[in-house]
């Protein structure tokens, strides 16, 4: 039996997942709406979870940032990413940020049990699908592979800026939403122009969509 924490901002899905976890013979320590909620609750609990089932796309603090925080502050807690995203960028970034495994939300319950058992017994879980995605990412032509690697070299702030860049917000409005100065936002934009060899905001948006940073 594993002690498990669920982190997902969709209440109905999270409740259903809690029922599934219990039916598989495990214990749900608590549930959290996002990364910030998880940090508050995990710092207040006396019993650490064995595994955190972690969604990626969440408000306030997403799965990427949350995984990094857990890896740094709670290294004994394993992370199993549970997401709708099946693209290489999302998978590789979560693994790089500390996830021990990655499973899709439409997977069969038996796959979840396999993933939990593998992490408990071996410390990691890589399904055939995920392994295939990883191999595919590194087998791409040089140009595509270079862009993939660049996506993983971006900071969390740059990723958030890219997501905002896909909206209709002005740069000043993006700065307000990110809680930084317009000059800082200009710095994110110019740094991305240089890193990605892109010259326009439209180019940034196209890159964000193609790399899976922004979902249409």
Protein backbone atom coordinates (compact mmCIF):
# COMPACT_ATOMS: atom_id res chain seq x y z
CA UNK A 1 0.00 0.00 0.00
CA UNK A 2 1.26 3.46 -0.91
CA UNK A 3 0.46 6.78 0.75
CA UNK A 4 -0.58 9.02 -2.12
CA UNK A 5 -1.36 12.72 -2.57
CA UNK A 6 -3.46 13.94 -5.50
CA UNK A 7 -2.79 17.34 -7.11
CA UNK A 8 -5.27 18.47 -9.77
CA UNK A 9 -7.40 21.59 -10.13
CA UNK A 10 -10.43 19.69 -11.49
CA UNK A 11 -12.43 18.63 -8.45
CA UNK A 12 -14.61 16.01 -10.15
CA UNK A 13 -11.64 14.34 -11.83
CA UNK A 14 -9.64 14.46 -8.58
CA UNK A 15 -12.49 12.91 -6.61
CA UNK A 16 -12.84 10.15 -9.17
CA UNK A 17 -9.10 9.54 -9.05
CA UNK A 18 -9.23 9.34 -5.25
CA UNK A 19 -11.86 6.63 -5.49
CA UNK A 20 -9.73 4.72 -7.99
CA UNK A 21 -6.62 4.97 -5.82
CA UNK A 22 -8.55 3.66 -2.82
CA UNK A 23 -9.99 0.79 -4.88
CA UNK A 24 -6.45 -0.20 -5.85
CA UNK A 25 -5.63 -0.64 -2.17
CA UNK A 26 -3.72 2.56 -1.52
CA UNK A 27 -4.27 5.45 0.89
CA UNK A 28 -5.01 9.06 -0.10
CA UNK A 29 -3.30 11.31 2.45
CA UNK A 30 -4.86 14.48 1.07
CA UNK A 31 -5.82 16.31 -2.12
CA UNK A 32 -4.60 19.68 -3.43
CA UNK A 33 -5.87 22.10 -6.08
CA UNK A 34 -2.45 23.21 -7.35
CA UNK A 35 1.18 23.45 -6.43
CA UNK A 36 0.77 26.24 -3.90
CA UNK A 37 -2.00 24.33 -2.15
CA UNK A 38 0.20 21.22 -2.10
CA UNK A 39 3.16 23.05 -0.56
CA UNK A 40 0.99 24.46 2.23
CA UNK A 41 -0.55 21.08 3.04
CA UNK A 42 2.60 19.01 2.74
CA UNK A 43 4.43 21.37 5.10
CA UNK A 44 1.62 20.98 7.63
CA UNK A 45 1.39 17.18 7.55
CA UNK A 46 3.49 14.90 9.75
CA UNK A 47 3.35 12.00 7.30
CA UNK A 48 4.96 12.46 3.91
CA UNK A 49 3.41 10.72 0.91
CA UNK A 50 5.24 8.00 -0.95
CA UNK A 51 3.95 9.32 -4.28
CA UNK A 52 2.41 12.56 -5.50
CA UNK A 53 0.10 12.14 -8.49
CA UNK A 54 0.69 15.47 -10.19
CA UNK A 55 -1.22 17.20 -12.97
CA UNK A 56 0.67 19.63 -15.22
CA UNK A 57 -1.79 22.34 -16.28
CA UNK A 58 -2.90 24.09 -13.06
CA UNK A 59 -3.38 27.72 -11.98
CA UNK A 60 -1.06 29.59 -9.58
CA UNK A 61 1.66 26.92 -9.67
CA UNK A 62 1.74 24.33 -12.44
CA UNK A 63 3.11 20.79 -12.45
CA UNK A 64 6.54 21.76 -13.77
CA UNK A 65 7.22 24.21 -10.95
CA UNK A 66 5.67 21.89 -8.38
CA UNK A 67 7.86 18.98 -9.48
CA UNK A 68 10.97 21.17 -9.18
CA UNK A 69 9.94 22.28 -5.69
CA UNK A 70 9.32 18.71 -4.56
CA UNK A 71 12.64 17.53 -6.00
CA UNK A 72 14.47 20.27 -4.09
CA UNK A 73 12.52 20.32 -0.81
CA UNK A 74 11.03 16.82 -0.48
CA UNK A 75 13.47 14.56 -2.35
CA UNK A 76 12.15 11.38 -0.72
CA UNK A 77 8.70 11.94 -2.27
CA UNK A 78 8.27 10.34 -5.69
CA UNK A 79 6.34 12.14 -8.43
CA UNK A 80 4.05 10.45 -10.94
CA UNK A 81 2.90 12.93 -13.56
CA UNK A 82 -0.71 12.39 -14.61
CA UNK A 83 -1.63 14.49 -17.63
CA UNK A 84 -3.57 14.78 -20.88
CA UNK A 85 -0.41 15.95 -22.66
CA UNK A 86 1.32 13.23 -24.68
CA UNK A 87 3.86 15.41 -26.48
CA UNK A 88 7.61 15.01 -26.03
CA UNK A 89 8.12 18.48 -24.58
CA UNK A 90 5.75 17.96 -21.65
CA UNK A 91 7.05 14.46 -20.94
CA UNK A 92 10.74 15.33 -21.06
CA UNK A 93 10.33 18.50 -19.04
CA UNK A 94 8.43 16.72 -16.25
CA UNK A 95 11.04 13.96 -16.11
CA UNK A 96 13.80 16.54 -16.08
CA UNK A 97 12.08 18.44 -13.25
CA UNK A 98 12.00 15.36 -11.06
CA UNK A 99 9.08 13.12 -12.05
CA UNK A 100 9.74 9.39 -11.60
CA UNK A 101 7.07 8.48 -14.12
CA UNK A 102 4.48 9.83 -16.52
CA UNK A 103 1.01 8.44 -17.25
CA UNK A 104 -1.81 9.75 -19.40
CA UNK A 105 -5.21 10.54 -17.90
CA UNK A 106 -7.00 8.25 -20.33
CA UNK A 107 -4.91 5.25 -19.27
CA UNK A 108 -6.53 2.06 -17.96
CA UNK A 109 -6.71 1.75 -14.14
CA UNK A 110 -4.38 -1.25 -14.39
CA UNK A 111 -1.74 1.04 -15.90
CA UNK A 112 -1.98 3.33 -12.88
CA UNK A 113 -1.48 0.37 -10.57
CA UNK A 114 1.53 -0.74 -12.62
CA UNK A 115 2.99 2.76 -12.44
CA UNK A 116 2.52 3.02 -8.67
CA UNK A 117 4.02 -0.44 -8.07
CA UNK A 118 6.97 0.27 -10.37
CA UNK A 119 7.80 3.51 -8.58
CA UNK A 120 7.52 1.83 -5.17
CA UNK A 121 9.69 -1.12 -6.19
CA UNK A 122 12.10 0.30 -8.78
CA UNK A 123 11.93 4.05 -8.21
CA UNK A 124 10.70 4.86 -11.73
CA UNK A 125 8.04 4.02 -14.31
CA UNK A 126 8.37 4.39 -18.08
CA UNK A 127 5.54 2.95 -20.16
CA UNK A 128 6.12 1.83 -23.74
CA UNK A 129 4.28 4.93 -24.98
CA UNK A 130 6.41 7.32 -22.94
CA UNK A 131 9.64 5.50 -23.81
CA UNK A 132 8.66 5.75 -27.46
CA UNK A 133 8.04 9.48 -27.15
CA UNK A 134 11.44 9.99 -25.54
CA UNK A 135 13.22 7.99 -28.24
CA UNK A 136 11.27 9.85 -30.93
CA UNK A 137 12.31 13.20 -29.48
CA UNK A 138 15.98 12.35 -29.72
CA UNK A 139 15.63 10.69 -33.12
CA UNK A 140 14.21 13.82 -34.81
CA UNK A 141 16.18 15.75 -37.43
CA UNK A 142 18.77 18.12 -36.04
CA UNK A 143 16.63 21.24 -36.37
CA UNK A 144 13.61 19.77 -34.57
CA UNK A 145 15.77 18.13 -31.92
CA UNK A 146 17.53 21.43 -31.32
CA UNK A 147 14.23 23.19 -30.78
CA UNK A 148 13.11 20.44 -28.39
CA UNK A 149 16.22 20.81 -26.30
CA UNK A 150 15.83 24.58 -26.30
CA UNK A 151 12.31 24.21 -24.93
CA UNK A 152 13.75 22.39 -21.93
CA UNK A 153 16.39 25.05 -21.37
CA UNK A 154 13.80 27.77 -20.84
CA UNK A 155 13.14 29.06 -17.33
CA UNK A 156 9.70 28.78 -15.72
CA UNK A 157 9.25 32.56 -16.09
CA UNK A 158 10.06 32.35 -19.80
CA UNK A 159 7.57 29.50 -20.19
CA UNK A 160 4.87 31.57 -18.47
CA UNK A 161 5.68 34.54 -20.67
CA UNK A 162 5.38 32.35 -23.78
CA UNK A 163 1.93 31.21 -22.63
CA UNK A 164 0.84 34.84 -22.18
CA UNK A 165 2.39 35.75 -25.53
CA UNK A 166 -0.19 33.48 -27.17
CA UNK A 167 -3.00 35.65 -25.79
CA UNK A 168 -4.30 39.04 -26.93
CA UNK A 169 -2.78 40.81 -23.92
CA UNK A 170 -0.37 43.68 -24.50
CA UNK A 171 3.14 43.37 -23.10
CA UNK A 172 2.19 45.80 -20.30
CA UNK A 173 -0.85 43.67 -19.44
CA UNK A 174 1.34 40.57 -19.47
CA UNK A 175 3.67 42.29 -17.02
CA UNK A 176 0.74 43.07 -14.72
CA UNK A 177 -0.46 39.46 -14.84
CA UNK A 178 3.01 38.12 -14.12
CA UNK A 179 3.59 40.62 -11.32
CA UNK A 180 6.74 42.05 -12.88
CA UNK A 181 7.72 45.32 -14.56
CA UNK A 182 7.25 45.93 -18.31
CA UNK A 183 11.03 46.12 -18.60
CA UNK A 184 11.33 42.60 -17.15
CA UNK A 185 8.81 41.32 -19.69
CA UNK A 186 10.83 42.98 -22.44
CA UNK A 187 13.82 41.08 -21.08
CA UNK A 188 11.97 37.75 -21.28
CA UNK A 189 10.92 38.54 -24.86
CA UNK A 190 14.39 39.58 -26.02
CA UNK A 191 16.01 36.57 -24.33
CA UNK A 192 13.58 34.24 -26.09
CA UNK A 193 14.20 35.96 -29.42
CA UNK A 194 17.90 35.17 -28.98
CA UNK A 195 17.52 31.64 -27.60
CA UNK A 196 15.00 30.50 -30.19
CA UNK A 197 16.23 32.57 -33.13
CA UNK A 198 12.77 34.15 -33.49
CA UNK A 199 12.09 37.78 -34.38
CA UNK A 200 8.36 38.35 -33.76
CA UNK A 201 5.64 37.69 -31.18
CA UNK A 202 3.79 35.61 -33.74
CA UNK A 203 6.90 33.46 -34.08
CA UNK A 204 6.98 33.00 -30.29
CA UNK A 205 3.33 31.94 -30.31
CA UNK A 206 3.91 29.44 -33.11
CA UNK A 207 6.89 27.99 -31.23
CA UNK A 208 4.86 27.72 -28.00
CA UNK A 209 2.09 25.82 -29.79
CA UNK A 210 4.40 23.49 -31.72
CA UNK A 211 6.45 22.65 -28.62
CA UNK A 212 3.36 21.95 -26.49
CA UNK A 213 3.91 24.89 -24.14
CA UNK A 214 0.56 26.34 -25.16
CA UNK A 215 -2.47 24.18 -25.97
CA UNK A 216 -5.11 25.47 -28.40
